[in-house]
Amino acid sequence: MKPKSVYKGRSQNGLDIVIRYPKMGDVKSMCDYMNKVSKEKTYITWQGEKITLKYEKEYLKGQREKIKNKESIKLVLFVNRELAGISDIGMGKKIKSHIGNFGITIAKKYRGKGLGKLLMKNVLNEAKKLPRLKIITLEVFSKNKNAIECQVLNLLYH
């Protein structure tokens, strides 16, 4: 599967932005990124845990297979060639196979610049390619003020 870019542009601040599907060559930067976000304890599944390169490689291999089989969307956001965000929608299993679970992370130094909203819009647009998708869910920790204040829920409803 050849990674496809879904967005290329420049921000108002002059940042070069690329949003695309991940490739296996991204595994090291994705592992480093997730470990950095995990240390921040930013309301993600991993809270201070360290992900190994081996784990991330197997995970990414599986995700790319799911993308190929139209069971998932996963996009990576690069700002000036630096990994700045990851977002996905993964399809449920069995009775929940029509439900996609949405997730997103943005690197701390890029938060509050509209990049999360841009990444989210692109993931939601790409999700239209998932034939079984009927419902998208988003789980938010009640203390995750960034997600709530950034109107993540409002964007999903429109």
N, C-alpha and C. Protein backbone atom coordinates (compact mmCIF):
# COMPACT_ATOMS: atom_id res chain seq x y z
N MET A 1 0.84 -1.18 0.00
CA MET A 1 0.00 0.00 0.00
C MET A 1 0.89 1.24 0.00
N LYS A 2 0.72 2.06 -1.01
CA LYS A 2 1.49 3.29 -1.10
C LYS A 2 0.76 4.38 -0.30
N PRO A 3 1.46 5.05 0.64
CA PRO A 3 0.81 6.09 1.44
C PRO A 3 0.35 7.24 0.57
N LYS A 4 -0.86 7.68 0.82
CA LYS A 4 -1.45 8.73 0.02
C LYS A 4 -1.56 10.00 0.85
N SER A 5 -1.14 11.13 0.29
CA SER A 5 -1.35 12.41 0.95
C SER A 5 -2.78 12.84 0.74
N VAL A 6 -3.41 13.33 1.79
CA VAL A 6 -4.78 13.81 1.67
C VAL A 6 -4.85 15.33 1.79
N TYR A 7 -3.76 15.94 2.28
CA TYR A 7 -3.74 17.40 2.40
C TYR A 7 -2.29 17.88 2.37
N LYS A 8 -2.06 18.92 1.59
CA LYS A 8 -0.78 19.62 1.58
C LYS A 8 -1.09 21.10 1.55
N GLY A 9 -0.45 21.86 2.42
CA GLY A 9 -0.71 23.28 2.43
C GLY A 9 0.23 24.01 3.37
N ARG A 10 -0.09 25.27 3.56
CA ARG A 10 0.70 26.13 4.42
C ARG A 10 -0.25 26.84 5.38
N SER A 11 0.14 26.87 6.65
CA SER A 11 -0.70 27.53 7.66
C SER A 11 -0.55 29.04 7.54
N GLN A 12 -1.41 29.76 8.27
CA GLN A 12 -1.33 31.22 8.28
C GLN A 12 0.00 31.69 8.85
N ASN A 13 0.61 30.85 9.69
CA ASN A 13 1.90 31.18 10.30
C ASN A 13 3.08 30.77 9.42
N GLY A 14 2.79 30.26 8.22
CA GLY A 14 3.85 29.87 7.30
C GLY A 14 4.42 28.48 7.52
N LEU A 15 3.69 27.64 8.26
CA LEU A 15 4.14 26.27 8.49
C LEU A 15 3.73 25.38 7.33
N ASP A 16 4.65 24.54 6.85
CA ASP A 16 4.33 23.56 5.81
C ASP A 16 3.60 22.39 6.46
N ILE A 17 2.42 22.07 5.95
CA ILE A 17 1.58 21.03 6.54
C ILE A 17 1.33 19.94 5.51
N VAL A 18 1.52 18.69 5.95
CA VAL A 18 1.18 17.52 5.14
C VAL A 18 0.39 16.57 6.03
N ILE A 19 -0.76 16.12 5.52
CA ILE A 19 -1.55 15.09 6.19
C ILE A 19 -1.63 13.92 5.23
N ARG A 20 -1.24 12.75 5.72
CA ARG A 20 -1.21 11.58 4.84
C ARG A 20 -1.39 10.31 5.66
N TYR A 21 -1.57 9.22 4.91
CA TYR A 21 -1.60 7.90 5.54
C TYR A 21 -0.18 7.55 5.96
N PRO A 22 -0.01 6.81 7.05
CA PRO A 22 1.34 6.47 7.50
C PRO A 22 2.00 5.41 6.62
N LYS A 23 3.31 5.46 6.57
CA LYS A 23 4.09 4.43 5.87
C LYS A 23 5.00 3.76 6.90
N MET A 24 5.52 2.62 6.56
CA MET A 24 6.36 1.88 7.51
C MET A 24 7.60 2.69 7.91
N GLY A 25 8.07 3.56 7.03
CA GLY A 25 9.20 4.42 7.36
C GLY A 25 8.91 5.43 8.45
N ASP A 26 7.63 5.57 8.83
CA ASP A 26 7.23 6.49 9.90
C ASP A 26 7.31 5.86 11.28
N VAL A 27 7.60 4.56 11.35
CA VAL A 27 7.46 3.83 12.61
C VAL A 27 8.29 4.44 13.75
N LYS A 28 9.52 4.84 13.47
CA LYS A 28 10.38 5.42 14.53
C LYS A 28 9.81 6.74 15.02
N SER A 29 9.44 7.62 14.10
CA SER A 29 8.90 8.91 14.53
C SER A 29 7.56 8.74 15.24
N MET A 30 6.75 7.75 14.83
CA MET A 30 5.47 7.50 15.50
C MET A 30 5.70 6.96 16.91
N CYS A 31 6.67 6.09 17.07
CA CYS A 31 7.00 5.54 18.38
C CYS A 31 7.50 6.66 19.31
N ASP A 32 8.42 7.47 18.83
CA ASP A 32 8.94 8.59 19.62
C ASP A 32 7.82 9.56 19.98
N TYR A 33 6.96 9.85 19.02
CA TYR A 33 5.85 10.77 19.24
C TYR A 33 4.91 10.24 20.33
N MET A 34 4.50 8.97 20.21
CA MET A 34 3.57 8.40 21.18
C MET A 34 4.18 8.35 22.57
N ASN A 35 5.47 8.07 22.67
CA ASN A 35 6.12 8.06 23.97
C ASN A 35 6.18 9.46 24.58
N LYS A 36 6.38 10.46 23.75
CA LYS A 36 6.40 11.83 24.24
C LYS A 36 5.01 12.25 24.73
N VAL A 37 3.99 11.94 23.95
CA VAL A 37 2.61 12.28 24.34
C VAL A 37 2.22 11.50 25.60
N SER A 38 2.66 10.26 25.70
CA SER A 38 2.35 9.43 26.87
C SER A 38 2.89 10.06 28.15
N LYS A 39 4.09 10.63 28.09
CA LYS A 39 4.69 11.28 29.26
C LYS A 39 3.87 12.48 29.74
N GLU A 40 3.18 13.13 28.81
CA GLU A 40 2.40 14.32 29.15
C GLU A 40 1.12 13.98 29.91
N LYS A 41 0.73 12.72 29.87
CA LYS A 41 -0.53 12.28 30.48
C LYS A 41 -1.69 13.14 29.97
N THR A 42 -1.88 13.07 28.67
CA THR A 42 -2.86 13.91 27.98
C THR A 42 -4.16 13.19 27.66
N TYR A 43 -4.62 12.36 28.56
CA TYR A 43 -5.92 11.69 28.40
C TYR A 43 -5.95 10.73 27.22
N ILE A 44 -4.86 10.02 27.00
CA ILE A 44 -4.84 8.97 25.99
C ILE A 44 -4.72 7.62 26.71
N THR A 45 -4.83 6.55 25.98
CA THR A 45 -4.78 5.21 26.57
C THR A 45 -3.48 4.99 27.33
N TRP A 46 -2.36 5.44 26.77
CA TRP A 46 -1.07 5.27 27.43
C TRP A 46 -0.81 6.48 28.30
N GLN A 47 -0.69 6.27 29.59
CA GLN A 47 -0.43 7.34 30.54
C GLN A 47 0.91 7.08 31.21
N GLY A 48 1.98 7.54 30.62
CA GLY A 48 3.30 7.35 31.19
C GLY A 48 3.96 6.04 30.80
N GLU A 49 3.27 5.22 30.03
CA GLU A 49 3.86 3.95 29.59
C GLU A 49 4.79 4.21 28.40
N LYS A 50 5.75 3.33 28.23
CA LYS A 50 6.68 3.46 27.10
C LYS A 50 6.37 2.37 26.07
N ILE A 51 6.25 2.79 24.84
CA ILE A 51 5.98 1.88 23.73
C ILE A 51 7.32 1.53 23.09
N THR A 52 7.53 0.26 22.80
CA THR A 52 8.78 -0.16 22.16
C THR A 52 8.66 0.00 20.64
N LEU A 53 9.80 0.11 20.01
CA LEU A 53 9.83 0.21 18.55
C LEU A 53 9.26 -1.07 17.93
N LYS A 54 9.55 -2.21 18.54
CA LYS A 54 9.02 -3.48 18.04
C LYS A 54 7.49 -3.48 18.10
N TYR A 55 6.93 -3.02 19.22
CA TYR A 55 5.47 -2.96 19.36
C TYR A 55 4.88 -2.03 18.31
N GLU A 56 5.47 -0.84 18.16
CA GLU A 56 4.94 0.15 17.22
C GLU A 56 5.01 -0.37 15.79
N LYS A 57 6.07 -1.10 15.46
CA LYS A 57 6.21 -1.65 14.11
C LYS A 57 5.09 -2.65 13.83
N GLU A 58 4.83 -3.56 14.76
CA GLU A 58 3.75 -4.54 14.59
C GLU A 58 2.39 -3.85 14.55
N TYR A 59 2.22 -2.86 15.42
CA TYR A 59 0.97 -2.10 15.45
C TYR A 59 0.73 -1.42 14.10
N LEU A 60 1.75 -0.73 13.59
CA LEU A 60 1.60 -0.01 12.33
C LEU A 60 1.35 -0.97 11.18
N LYS A 61 2.02 -2.10 11.18
CA LYS A 61 1.80 -3.11 10.15
C LYS A 61 0.33 -3.54 10.16
N GLY A 62 -0.21 -3.79 11.35
CA GLY A 62 -1.61 -4.18 11.48
C GLY A 62 -2.56 -3.07 11.06
N GLN A 63 -2.23 -1.83 11.41
CA GLN A 63 -3.07 -0.71 11.02
C GLN A 63 -3.09 -0.52 9.51
N ARG A 64 -1.95 -0.68 8.88
CA ARG A 64 -1.90 -0.53 7.42
C ARG A 64 -2.73 -1.62 6.74
N GLU A 65 -2.75 -2.81 7.31
CA GLU A 65 -3.58 -3.89 6.77
C GLU A 65 -5.07 -3.53 6.94
N LYS A 66 -5.42 -2.98 8.09
CA LYS A 66 -6.81 -2.57 8.32
C LYS A 66 -7.22 -1.44 7.36
N ILE A 67 -6.31 -0.52 7.10
CA ILE A 67 -6.59 0.55 6.14
C ILE A 67 -6.84 -0.04 4.76
N LYS A 68 -5.99 -0.95 4.37
CA LYS A 68 -6.12 -1.62 3.06
C LYS A 68 -7.46 -2.34 2.95
N ASN A 69 -7.91 -2.94 4.06
CA ASN A 69 -9.18 -3.68 4.07
C ASN A 69 -10.40 -2.81 4.40
N LYS A 70 -10.19 -1.50 4.43
CA LYS A 70 -11.26 -0.54 4.72
C LYS A 70 -11.92 -0.80 6.08
N GLU A 71 -11.07 -1.11 7.07
CA GLU A 71 -11.52 -1.31 8.44
C GLU A 71 -11.03 -0.20 9.36
N SER A 72 -10.27 0.74 8.81
CA SER A 72 -9.68 1.80 9.62
C SER A 72 -9.21 2.94 8.73
N ILE A 73 -9.17 4.11 9.33
CA ILE A 73 -8.52 5.28 8.74
C ILE A 73 -7.49 5.73 9.76
N LYS A 74 -6.28 5.98 9.33
CA LYS A 74 -5.26 6.54 10.21
C LYS A 74 -4.46 7.54 9.39
N LEU A 75 -4.41 8.76 9.90
CA LEU A 75 -3.66 9.81 9.22
C LEU A 75 -2.62 10.39 10.17
N VAL A 76 -1.50 10.79 9.59
CA VAL A 76 -0.45 11.45 10.34
C VAL A 76 -0.32 12.88 9.82
N LEU A 77 -0.06 13.79 10.74
CA LEU A 77 0.09 15.21 10.44
C LEU A 77 1.55 15.59 10.62
N PHE A 78 2.14 16.12 9.57
CA PHE A 78 3.52 16.60 9.65
C PHE A 78 3.52 18.11 9.49
N VAL A 79 4.27 18.79 10.34
CA VAL A 79 4.46 20.23 10.26
C VAL A 79 5.96 20.45 10.06
N ASN A 80 6.30 21.07 8.95
CA ASN A 80 7.71 21.26 8.60
C ASN A 80 8.49 19.95 8.74
N ARG A 81 7.90 18.87 8.26
CA ARG A 81 8.48 17.52 8.23
C ARG A 81 8.61 16.86 9.61
N GLU A 82 8.03 17.46 10.63
CA GLU A 82 8.04 16.89 11.98
C GLU A 82 6.66 16.30 12.28
N LEU A 83 6.61 15.08 12.81
CA LEU A 83 5.34 14.48 13.17
C LEU A 83 4.70 15.31 14.28
N ALA A 84 3.51 15.83 13.99
CA ALA A 84 2.85 16.75 14.92
C ALA A 84 1.49 16.25 15.37
N GLY A 85 0.99 15.17 14.77
CA GLY A 85 -0.32 14.66 15.18
C GLY A 85 -0.65 13.34 14.51
N ILE A 86 -1.52 12.60 15.17
CA ILE A 86 -2.01 11.33 14.64
C ILE A 86 -3.50 11.27 14.95
N SER A 87 -4.27 10.82 13.98
CA SER A 87 -5.71 10.65 14.20
C SER A 87 -6.18 9.40 13.47
N ASP A 88 -7.20 8.78 14.04
CA ASP A 88 -7.73 7.58 13.40
C ASP A 88 -9.19 7.35 13.72
N ILE A 89 -9.78 6.51 12.93
CA ILE A 89 -11.11 5.96 13.18
C ILE A 89 -10.98 4.47 12.92
N GLY A 90 -11.15 3.70 13.98
CA GLY A 90 -11.07 2.24 13.88
C GLY A 90 -12.45 1.63 14.02
N MET A 91 -12.77 0.70 13.14
CA MET A 91 -14.08 0.06 13.15
C MET A 91 -14.19 -0.96 14.27
N GLY A 92 -15.40 -1.05 14.83
CA GLY A 92 -15.68 -2.02 15.88
C GLY A 92 -15.78 -3.43 15.31
N LYS A 93 -15.96 -4.37 16.19
CA LYS A 93 -16.07 -5.79 15.82
C LYS A 93 -17.49 -6.29 16.04
N LYS A 94 -17.84 -7.33 15.32
CA LYS A 94 -19.11 -8.05 15.44
C LYS A 94 -20.31 -7.11 15.41
N ILE A 95 -21.11 -7.09 16.47
CA ILE A 95 -22.33 -6.29 16.47
C ILE A 95 -22.03 -4.79 16.37
N LYS A 96 -20.80 -4.40 16.69
CA LYS A 96 -20.39 -2.99 16.61
C LYS A 96 -19.59 -2.70 15.34
N SER A 97 -19.69 -3.56 14.34
CA SER A 97 -18.86 -3.42 13.14
C SER A 97 -19.23 -2.20 12.29
N HIS A 98 -20.34 -1.54 12.59
CA HIS A 98 -20.75 -0.33 11.88
C HIS A 98 -20.34 0.94 12.63
N ILE A 99 -19.69 0.76 13.78
CA ILE A 99 -19.32 1.89 14.64
C ILE A 99 -17.81 2.13 14.56
N GLY A 100 -17.44 3.36 14.28
CA GLY A 100 -16.03 3.74 14.26
C GLY A 100 -15.69 4.54 15.50
N ASN A 101 -14.56 4.24 16.11
CA ASN A 101 -14.11 4.96 17.29
C ASN A 101 -13.03 5.96 16.87
N PHE A 102 -13.28 7.23 17.14
CA PHE A 102 -12.41 8.32 16.73
C PHE A 102 -11.37 8.62 17.80
N GLY A 103 -10.14 8.87 17.38
CA GLY A 103 -9.07 9.29 18.29
C GLY A 103 -8.17 10.30 17.63
N ILE A 104 -7.57 11.17 18.44
CA ILE A 104 -6.67 12.19 17.91
C ILE A 104 -5.69 12.64 18.99
N THR A 105 -4.46 12.91 18.58
CA THR A 105 -3.47 13.54 19.45
C THR A 105 -2.72 14.59 18.62
N ILE A 106 -2.36 15.66 19.28
CA ILE A 106 -1.57 16.73 18.66
C ILE A 106 -0.39 17.02 19.58
N ALA A 107 0.80 17.16 19.02
CA ALA A 107 1.98 17.48 19.82
C ALA A 107 1.77 18.80 20.56
N LYS A 108 2.26 18.84 21.78
CA LYS A 108 2.03 19.98 22.67
C LYS A 108 2.37 21.33 22.01
N LYS A 109 3.49 21.39 21.33
CA LYS A 109 3.90 22.69 20.76
C LYS A 109 3.03 23.14 19.59
N TYR A 110 2.18 22.24 19.08
CA TYR A 110 1.31 22.61 17.95
C TYR A 110 -0.16 22.75 18.35
N ARG A 111 -0.46 22.57 19.62
CA ARG A 111 -1.85 22.71 20.07
C ARG A 111 -2.27 24.17 20.06
N GLY A 112 -3.55 24.38 19.82
CA GLY A 112 -4.10 25.73 19.82
C GLY A 112 -3.84 26.50 18.53
N LYS A 113 -3.42 25.83 17.48
CA LYS A 113 -3.11 26.48 16.20
C LYS A 113 -4.07 26.06 15.09
N GLY A 114 -5.11 25.32 15.44
CA GLY A 114 -6.09 24.88 14.44
C GLY A 114 -5.69 23.61 13.70
N LEU A 115 -4.54 23.04 14.05
CA LEU A 115 -4.07 21.85 13.34
C LEU A 115 -4.89 20.61 13.69
N GLY A 116 -5.35 20.53 14.93
CA GLY A 116 -6.20 19.41 15.34
C GLY A 116 -7.50 19.41 14.57
N LYS A 117 -8.07 20.59 14.41
CA LYS A 117 -9.33 20.71 13.66
C LYS A 117 -9.11 20.31 12.20
N LEU A 118 -8.00 20.75 11.63
CA LEU A 118 -7.68 20.40 10.24
C LEU A 118 -7.49 18.89 10.09
N LEU A 119 -6.75 18.29 11.01
CA LEU A 119 -6.53 16.85 10.96
C LEU A 119 -7.85 16.10 11.13
N MET A 120 -8.66 16.56 12.07
CA MET A 120 -9.95 15.91 12.32
C MET A 120 -10.85 15.97 11.09
N LYS A 121 -10.92 17.11 10.45
CA LYS A 121 -11.76 17.24 9.25
C LYS A 121 -11.30 16.28 8.16
N ASN A 122 -9.99 16.13 8.01
CA ASN A 122 -9.47 15.22 6.99
C ASN A 122 -9.75 13.77 7.33
N VAL A 123 -9.64 13.39 8.59
CA VAL A 123 -9.94 12.02 9.00
C VAL A 123 -11.42 11.73 8.77
N LEU A 124 -12.28 12.67 9.16
CA LEU A 124 -13.72 12.47 8.97
C LEU A 124 -14.08 12.37 7.49
N ASN A 125 -13.42 13.16 6.66
CA ASN A 125 -13.65 13.09 5.23
C ASN A 125 -13.20 11.74 4.66
N GLU A 126 -12.03 11.27 5.08
CA GLU A 126 -11.53 9.97 4.63
C GLU A 126 -12.41 8.83 5.13
N ALA A 127 -13.05 9.02 6.28
CA ALA A 127 -13.90 7.98 6.87
C ALA A 127 -15.09 7.64 5.97
N LYS A 128 -15.43 8.52 5.07
CA LYS A 128 -16.53 8.25 4.13
C LYS A 128 -16.20 7.05 3.24
N LYS A 129 -14.94 6.67 3.19
CA LYS A 129 -14.51 5.52 2.37
C LYS A 129 -14.70 4.18 3.09
N LEU A 130 -15.08 4.22 4.37
CA LEU A 130 -15.31 2.99 5.13
C LEU A 130 -16.74 2.53 4.89
N PRO A 131 -16.93 1.46 4.12
CA PRO A 131 -18.27 1.07 3.69
C PRO A 131 -19.23 0.70 4.82
N ARG A 132 -18.73 0.18 5.92
CA ARG A 132 -19.62 -0.23 7.02
C ARG A 132 -19.92 0.90 8.00
N LEU A 133 -19.20 2.00 7.92
CA LEU A 133 -19.32 3.06 8.92
C LEU A 133 -20.68 3.74 8.89
N LYS A 134 -21.36 3.72 10.02
CA LYS A 134 -22.65 4.40 10.18
C LYS A 134 -22.62 5.39 11.34
N ILE A 135 -21.82 5.10 12.36
CA ILE A 135 -21.75 5.91 13.57
C ILE A 135 -20.29 6.12 13.93
N ILE A 136 -19.95 7.34 14.36
CA ILE A 136 -18.61 7.61 14.88
C ILE A 136 -18.75 7.99 16.35
N THR A 137 -17.98 7.32 17.20
CA THR A 137 -18.00 7.63 18.62
C THR A 137 -16.70 8.31 19.02
N LEU A 138 -16.80 9.10 20.06
CA LEU A 138 -15.65 9.79 20.63
C LEU A 138 -15.76 9.69 22.13
N GLU A 139 -14.76 9.14 22.76
CA GLU A 139 -14.73 9.09 24.21
C GLU A 139 -13.80 10.20 24.69
N VAL A 140 -14.31 11.02 25.62
CA VAL A 140 -13.54 12.15 26.14
C VAL A 140 -13.55 12.06 27.66
N PHE A 141 -12.37 12.15 28.27
CA PHE A 141 -12.30 12.25 29.72
C PHE A 141 -12.92 13.58 30.14
N SER A 142 -13.69 13.57 31.21
CA SER A 142 -14.37 14.79 31.65
C SER A 142 -13.39 15.90 32.01
N LYS A 143 -12.17 15.55 32.35
CA LYS A 143 -11.15 16.56 32.70
C LYS A 143 -10.37 17.05 31.48
N ASN A 144 -10.65 16.49 30.31
CA ASN A 144 -9.93 16.88 29.09
C ASN A 144 -10.54 18.16 28.54
N LYS A 145 -10.16 19.27 29.15
CA LYS A 145 -10.73 20.56 28.78
C LYS A 145 -10.38 20.97 27.35
N ASN A 146 -9.19 20.57 26.88
CA ASN A 146 -8.81 20.92 25.50
C ASN A 146 -9.80 20.35 24.51
N ALA A 147 -10.14 19.09 24.66
CA ALA A 147 -11.08 18.45 23.73
C ALA A 147 -12.44 19.11 23.82
N ILE A 148 -12.88 19.41 25.02
CA ILE A 148 -14.20 19.99 25.21
C ILE A 148 -14.22 21.45 24.75
N GLU A 149 -13.23 22.23 25.17
CA GLU A 149 -13.20 23.65 24.81
C GLU A 149 -12.94 23.89 23.33
N CYS A 150 -12.26 22.98 22.68
CA CYS A 150 -11.99 23.12 21.25
C CYS A 150 -13.18 22.69 20.40
N GLN A 151 -14.29 22.41 21.04
CA GLN A 151 -15.54 22.05 20.37
C GLN A 151 -15.38 20.82 19.49
N VAL A 152 -14.61 19.85 19.99
CA VAL A 152 -14.45 18.60 19.25
C VAL A 152 -15.81 17.98 19.01
N LEU A 153 -16.64 17.95 20.03
CA LEU A 153 -17.96 17.35 19.90
C LEU A 153 -18.79 18.10 18.88
N ASN A 154 -18.75 19.42 18.89
CA ASN A 154 -19.52 20.23 17.95
C ASN A 154 -19.10 19.93 16.52
N LEU A 155 -17.81 19.79 16.28
CA LEU A 155 -17.31 19.50 14.94
C LEU A 155 -17.82 18.15 14.45
N LEU A 156 -17.86 17.17 15.33
CA LEU A 156 -18.33 15.85 14.92
C LEU A 156 -19.80 15.85 14.55
N TYR A 157 -20.57 16.75 15.11
CA TYR A 157 -22.00 16.79 14.81
C TYR A 157 -22.30 17.54 13.52
N HIS A 158 -21.33 18.24 12.97
CA HIS A 158 -21.59 19.02 11.75
C HIS A 158 -20.92 18.44 10.59
